[in-house]
């Protein structure tokens, strides 16, 4: 495995590039985003199998309509260290306005105060202890 970024290839699938650059956690997450219309390449909606090349502008729509804009600087077929993935693209996302930053902070605080319900999962160790205490106390 090489330690430097190999840019001998001229084109690469969009979903593979998004996965290698760690812009999405997995390739299937990148494919899902492309299928859902969340990824644009050079101003056009892109499918996962579309090929990208150096210089392409990729816009990714994130949660709460936040848009991340990146410019492809290099291509590689091999996975590289996360630190080196940042050399594969240039982040051209403009900083958020004061209103957007304030809204993001409010959403973050609201999510922290009301964590999502865990549906269909086993109880945690703490929850099991509380259930046992409740059952013992009702005897």
Protein backbone atom coordinates (compact mmCIF):
# COMPACT_ATOMS: atom_id res chain seq x y z
CA UNK A 1 0.00 0.00 0.00
CA UNK A 2 1.44 3.35 -1.00
CA UNK A 3 1.58 6.26 1.39
CA UNK A 4 1.29 9.01 -1.21
CA UNK A 5 -1.85 9.89 -3.11
CA UNK A 6 -1.77 8.32 -6.57
CA UNK A 7 -3.40 10.54 -9.17
CA UNK A 8 -2.56 8.56 -12.33
CA UNK A 9 -6.22 7.82 -13.04
CA UNK A 10 -8.27 10.43 -14.87
CA UNK A 11 -11.82 9.43 -13.88
CA UNK A 12 -13.43 7.66 -10.90
CA UNK A 13 -16.98 6.78 -9.86
CA UNK A 14 -18.58 9.50 -7.73
CA UNK A 15 -19.72 7.19 -4.92
CA UNK A 16 -16.26 5.62 -4.64
CA UNK A 17 -14.56 9.04 -4.51
CA UNK A 18 -17.00 10.33 -1.87
CA UNK A 19 -16.28 7.25 0.26
CA UNK A 20 -12.49 7.41 -0.16
CA UNK A 21 -12.44 11.12 0.79
CA UNK A 22 -14.48 10.37 3.95
CA UNK A 23 -17.19 12.85 2.93
CA UNK A 24 -19.57 9.94 3.62
CA UNK A 25 -19.02 7.13 6.11
CA UNK A 26 -19.62 4.34 3.60
CA UNK A 27 -19.96 3.89 -0.12
CA UNK A 28 -23.59 2.81 0.34
CA UNK A 29 -24.30 6.07 2.22
CA UNK A 30 -22.80 7.98 -0.71
CA UNK A 31 -24.94 5.98 -3.15
CA UNK A 32 -28.05 6.68 -1.08
CA UNK A 33 -27.30 10.42 -1.05
CA UNK A 34 -26.80 10.42 -4.83
CA UNK A 35 -30.03 8.50 -5.35
CA UNK A 36 -31.86 10.96 -3.09
CA UNK A 37 -30.68 13.96 -5.11
CA UNK A 38 -28.38 15.29 -2.38
CA UNK A 39 -25.24 15.41 -4.57
CA UNK A 40 -24.66 17.73 -7.54
CA UNK A 41 -21.63 17.70 -9.83
CA UNK A 42 -20.93 20.91 -11.76
CA UNK A 43 -24.47 22.13 -11.07
CA UNK A 44 -26.21 18.97 -12.28
CA UNK A 45 -27.84 16.27 -10.17
CA UNK A 46 -25.49 13.29 -10.13
CA UNK A 47 -26.01 9.55 -9.94
CA UNK A 48 -23.64 7.28 -8.05
CA UNK A 49 -22.09 5.79 -11.20
CA UNK A 50 -21.20 9.19 -12.67
CA UNK A 51 -17.49 9.62 -13.18
CA UNK A 52 -15.70 12.59 -11.63
CA UNK A 53 -12.43 14.13 -12.72
CA UNK A 54 -10.02 16.71 -11.35
CA UNK A 55 -11.57 20.18 -11.24
CA UNK A 56 -15.21 19.06 -10.81
CA UNK A 57 -17.28 21.03 -8.30
CA UNK A 58 -19.37 18.82 -6.02
CA UNK A 59 -22.20 20.25 -3.89
CA UNK A 60 -23.54 18.03 -1.08
CA UNK A 61 -26.77 18.89 0.71
CA UNK A 62 -26.50 17.97 4.38
CA UNK A 63 -29.05 18.08 7.22
CA UNK A 64 -31.10 21.28 7.63
CA UNK A 65 -30.40 22.31 4.02
CA UNK A 66 -26.72 22.97 4.74
CA UNK A 67 -24.67 22.74 1.56
CA UNK A 68 -21.06 21.66 1.43
CA UNK A 69 -19.12 22.64 -1.68
CA UNK A 70 -15.90 20.78 -2.57
CA UNK A 71 -13.60 20.92 -5.58
CA UNK A 72 -11.90 17.70 -6.72
CA UNK A 73 -8.10 18.11 -6.59
CA UNK A 74 -6.94 14.49 -7.01
CA UNK A 75 -8.25 10.99 -7.62
CA UNK A 76 -7.18 7.68 -6.13
CA UNK A 77 -8.61 4.17 -6.21
CA UNK A 78 -6.95 3.15 -2.95
CA UNK A 79 -8.08 4.09 0.52
CA UNK A 80 -5.63 6.42 2.24
CA UNK A 81 -5.29 7.75 5.78
CA UNK A 82 -7.98 10.22 6.77
CA UNK A 83 -5.39 12.99 7.15
CA UNK A 84 -4.33 12.50 3.52
CA UNK A 85 -7.91 12.43 2.21
CA UNK A 86 -8.07 16.20 2.75
CA UNK A 87 -5.50 16.59 -0.03
CA UNK A 88 -7.96 15.04 -2.50
CA UNK A 89 -10.34 18.00 -2.37
CA UNK A 90 -10.60 21.68 -1.55
CA UNK A 91 -13.47 22.69 0.72
CA UNK A 92 -15.04 25.81 -0.81
CA UNK A 93 -18.02 25.95 1.54
CA UNK A 94 -18.77 29.52 2.57
CA UNK A 95 -18.93 30.14 6.33
CA UNK A 96 -22.45 30.23 7.80
CA UNK A 97 -24.13 33.57 8.43
CA UNK A 98 -24.80 34.67 12.01
CA UNK A 99 -28.46 33.57 11.74
CA UNK A 100 -27.50 30.13 10.41
CA UNK A 101 -24.89 29.66 13.13
CA UNK A 102 -27.42 30.65 15.80
CA UNK A 103 -30.01 28.26 14.37
CA UNK A 104 -27.48 25.39 14.31
CA UNK A 105 -26.62 26.06 17.95
CA UNK A 106 -30.30 26.03 18.93
CA UNK A 107 -30.85 22.74 17.10
CA UNK A 108 -27.77 21.24 18.76
CA UNK A 109 -29.00 22.27 22.20
CA UNK A 110 -32.51 20.96 21.50
CA UNK A 111 -31.15 17.60 20.33
CA UNK A 112 -28.99 17.35 23.43
CA UNK A 113 -31.98 18.04 25.72
CA UNK A 114 -34.28 15.57 23.91
CA UNK A 115 -32.27 12.56 22.71
CA UNK A 116 -34.01 10.38 20.12
CA UNK A 117 -35.98 7.42 21.42
CA UNK A 118 -34.35 4.01 21.06
CA UNK A 119 -37.01 1.95 19.38
CA UNK A 120 -36.69 -1.80 19.02
CA UNK A 121 -33.37 -2.10 20.82
CA UNK A 122 -32.45 -3.92 23.98
CA UNK A 123 -32.36 -1.89 27.19
CA UNK A 124 -29.03 -0.53 28.34
CA UNK A 125 -27.31 -1.76 31.48
CA UNK A 126 -28.63 1.22 33.43
CA UNK A 127 -32.18 0.64 32.17
CA UNK A 128 -32.01 -3.08 33.10
CA UNK A 129 -30.93 -2.16 36.63
CA UNK A 130 -33.83 0.28 36.96
CA UNK A 131 -36.29 -2.35 35.70
CA UNK A 132 -34.97 -4.87 38.24
CA UNK A 133 -35.27 -2.32 41.05
CA UNK A 134 -38.86 -1.55 40.06
CA UNK A 135 -39.79 -5.25 39.91
CA UNK A 136 -38.19 -5.99 43.30
CA UNK A 137 -39.87 -3.02 44.92
CA UNK A 138 -43.37 -4.12 43.82
CA UNK A 139 -43.26 -7.48 45.70
